[in-house]
Protein backbone atom coordinates (compact mmCIF):
# COMPACT_ATOMS: atom_id res chain seq x y z
CA MET A 1 -128.02 -10.23 -106.62
CA ILE A 2 -128.08 -7.59 -109.97
CA SER A 3 -128.83 -9.59 -113.17
CA LEU A 4 -127.31 -7.08 -116.84
CA PRO A 5 -129.34 -10.04 -118.69
CA TYR A 6 -128.23 -8.03 -122.21
CA GLY A 7 -124.49 -7.98 -120.73
CA THR A 8 -121.66 -9.73 -122.46
CA THR A 9 -118.70 -11.60 -121.23
CA VAL A 10 -115.89 -10.03 -120.21
CA TYR A 11 -112.16 -11.30 -119.27
CA ARG A 12 -110.26 -10.34 -116.09
CA LEU A 13 -106.54 -11.03 -116.35
CA ARG A 14 -104.31 -10.82 -113.62
CA ALA A 15 -100.25 -11.07 -113.70
CA ARG A 16 -98.89 -14.93 -112.58
CA SER A 17 -97.14 -15.25 -109.81
CA VAL A 18 -92.85 -15.60 -110.30
CA TYR A 19 -91.15 -16.41 -107.50
CA ASP A 20 -88.13 -13.47 -106.54
CA PRO A 21 -84.83 -15.30 -105.35
CA VAL A 22 -83.82 -11.98 -103.82
CA SER A 23 -87.00 -11.82 -101.77
CA ASP A 24 -87.00 -15.67 -101.65
CA SER A 25 -90.99 -15.28 -102.36
CA MET A 26 -93.35 -15.18 -104.93
CA VAL A 27 -94.44 -11.85 -106.42
CA GLU A 28 -96.87 -10.76 -109.31
CA GLY A 29 -95.02 -9.95 -112.22
CA ASP A 30 -95.35 -11.96 -115.42
CA TRP A 31 -98.25 -10.98 -118.04
CA GLY A 32 -96.85 -13.08 -120.48
CA THR A 33 -99.21 -15.92 -119.78
CA PRO A 34 -101.56 -13.98 -117.24
CA ASP A 35 -104.32 -15.73 -115.29
CA SER A 36 -107.62 -15.20 -117.00
CA ILE A 37 -111.59 -15.67 -115.59
CA ALA A 38 -114.43 -14.71 -117.25
CA ILE A 39 -117.06 -12.39 -116.05
CA PRO A 40 -120.63 -12.51 -117.52
CA GLU A 41 -123.22 -10.04 -117.47
CA ALA A 42 -120.49 -7.09 -117.82
CA PHE A 43 -120.11 -4.56 -119.80
CA ILE A 44 -117.95 -1.28 -120.42
CA ALA A 45 -119.22 1.80 -120.33
CA GLN A 46 -117.63 5.39 -122.59
CA SER A 47 -116.48 7.69 -119.15
CA SER A 48 -114.79 10.55 -121.35
CA THR A 49 -111.68 10.76 -123.67
CA ALA A 50 -109.23 13.52 -123.70
CA SER A 51 -106.83 14.15 -126.08
CA VAL A 52 -103.19 15.00 -125.34
CA PRO A 53 -101.41 16.52 -128.32
CA GLY A 54 -97.63 16.54 -128.23
CA ALA A 55 -94.53 17.39 -130.52
CA THR A 56 -94.61 14.10 -132.53
CA ARG A 57 -98.01 12.56 -132.09
CA THR A 58 -101.40 12.94 -130.36
CA GLN A 59 -102.17 10.38 -127.74
CA VAL A 60 -105.74 10.38 -126.69
CA LEU A 61 -106.47 9.07 -122.79
CA GLU A 62 -110.14 7.03 -122.72
CA SER A 63 -111.48 6.73 -119.11
CA LYS A 64 -114.65 3.57 -118.83
CA SER A 65 -116.14 1.86 -116.50
CA LEU A 66 -116.53 -1.73 -116.08
CA PHE A 67 -119.83 -2.88 -114.39
CA CYS A 68 -120.26 -6.04 -113.24
CA ALA A 69 -121.56 -8.35 -110.18
CA PRO A 70 -120.66 -6.88 -107.24
CA ASP A 71 -118.58 -10.35 -105.67
CA ALA A 72 -116.69 -10.53 -109.25
CA ASP A 73 -112.58 -11.37 -108.59
CA VAL A 74 -111.59 -7.90 -109.72
CA GLN A 75 -108.48 -5.63 -108.10
CA MET A 76 -106.57 -3.21 -108.45
CA GLY A 77 -103.72 -4.32 -110.80
CA ASP A 78 -105.53 -6.30 -113.48
CA ARG A 79 -106.67 -5.69 -116.50
CA ILE A 80 -110.01 -6.14 -118.22
CA GLN A 81 -110.00 -7.43 -122.00
CA ASP A 82 -113.69 -6.39 -123.63
CA GLY A 83 -115.01 -9.61 -124.94
CA GLU A 84 -112.06 -12.11 -126.78
CA GLY A 85 -109.49 -10.47 -129.11
CA GLY A 86 -110.65 -7.08 -127.60
CA PRO A 87 -109.46 -4.48 -126.21
CA ILE A 88 -107.61 -4.51 -122.57
CA TYR A 89 -108.04 -1.47 -120.39
CA PRO A 90 -105.83 -1.62 -117.03
CA VAL A 91 -107.47 -0.76 -113.64
CA ASP A 92 -107.57 2.43 -112.91
CA GLY A 93 -108.09 2.73 -108.75
CA VAL A 94 -109.40 0.11 -106.26
CA PRO A 95 -112.73 -1.67 -107.34
CA ALA A 96 -115.32 -1.36 -104.28
CA ALA A 97 -118.73 -3.19 -103.85
CA ASP A 98 -120.50 -0.58 -101.66
CA VAL A 99 -123.47 -2.37 -99.55
CA ASN A 100 -126.22 -0.37 -98.15
CA PRO A 101 -125.78 -0.44 -94.64
CA PHE A 102 -129.99 -0.20 -94.16
CA THR A 103 -130.74 -3.03 -96.22
CA GLY A 104 -127.50 -5.06 -97.04
CA TRP A 105 -128.44 -4.61 -100.73
CA GLN A 106 -125.14 -4.52 -102.97
CA PRO A 107 -125.91 -2.17 -106.66
CA VAL A 108 -123.44 -3.46 -109.98
CA ARG A 109 -120.11 -3.01 -108.98
CA GLU A 110 -118.37 0.28 -110.88
CA VAL A 111 -114.42 -1.10 -111.64
CA PRO A 112 -112.69 2.36 -113.27
CA LEU A 113 -110.70 1.52 -116.39
CA GLN A 114 -108.25 3.91 -118.76
CA ARG A 115 -105.90 3.28 -121.46
CA ALA A 116 -103.52 5.46 -123.67
CA VAL A 117 -104.25 5.12 -127.35
CA GLY A 118 -101.32 6.88 -129.76
């Protein structure tokens, strides 16, 4: 297991399951009170930003990467909060935990994040 001793704690937010009477099953979708777990020794790094001007406003697309332990419970559709009360970034892609086929070693997991501001 890799350690990021100077990392910070981020929070994985996941929509709660709710009952859907149409399909008679539980489906994800309640963001009012999401499930939250702490992911210690992680960090969020800047990847890129892009300014998208419009007729009445300018929007900035911010791409970042979450670096965390390879066994962290992060899935597509989750959101990552940078510390308590910090900005929230939707997971933008399918997080994968690669394994070296020769040694079984796993590096830190990189999870792509993106949000629009403005």
